[in-house]
């Protein structure tokens, strides 16, 4: 019996040591991962007289139209930011913020949910009214009212689901911001004792 307890005790000790070693290695890896994060760059979309901004980071997609006569929407990924020159790298190509005229942004998530609900209501009401009038030949169905409600509902849903075009200028502007954290103070190495 004592041999069994001794072997069980040794297994428990080995498992505890492995668990502690894994936790120590995880903490050490997180510590070194955080050490390399000294700053953050972001593209900020600001609206006049509003404190809340929309932040875009490296790796996000940006849909925009350049200033000038061309009528083409670009859809590029932000690959880098250079705040000193007010330039962003879109798929590796430098673009000055002043040369972007219009941005296409998605509406907030609540608008998307409501828009989908209204659009679905309009489509299902149209289908139900058509089935009631054509298949069941129901004389009590007021088609004009139901079709008009369905059209208004589907139209409102479509407007809520559309992306919004923002012209940059007086009301909206783009800015590049770099937040730098001070580097930690590393103590100098101890003096050589052998001298």
Foldseek 3Di string as FASTA:
>chain_A
DVVVVVVVVVVVVVVVVVVVVVVVVVVVVVVVVVQPPFKAKWKWKDFPPDDDIDTDGQQDWWWFDFPDDDDDIDIFGFHAADQVQCWTQTVNRTDHQVGTFKTWAWDDPVLLVQLVVLLVQLVVLVVVLCCCCPVVVDPPRPSVVSNVSSVVSNVSSVVSGGIDMDGDDDGMGMHMDMGGHDNDDDDDDDDDPVD
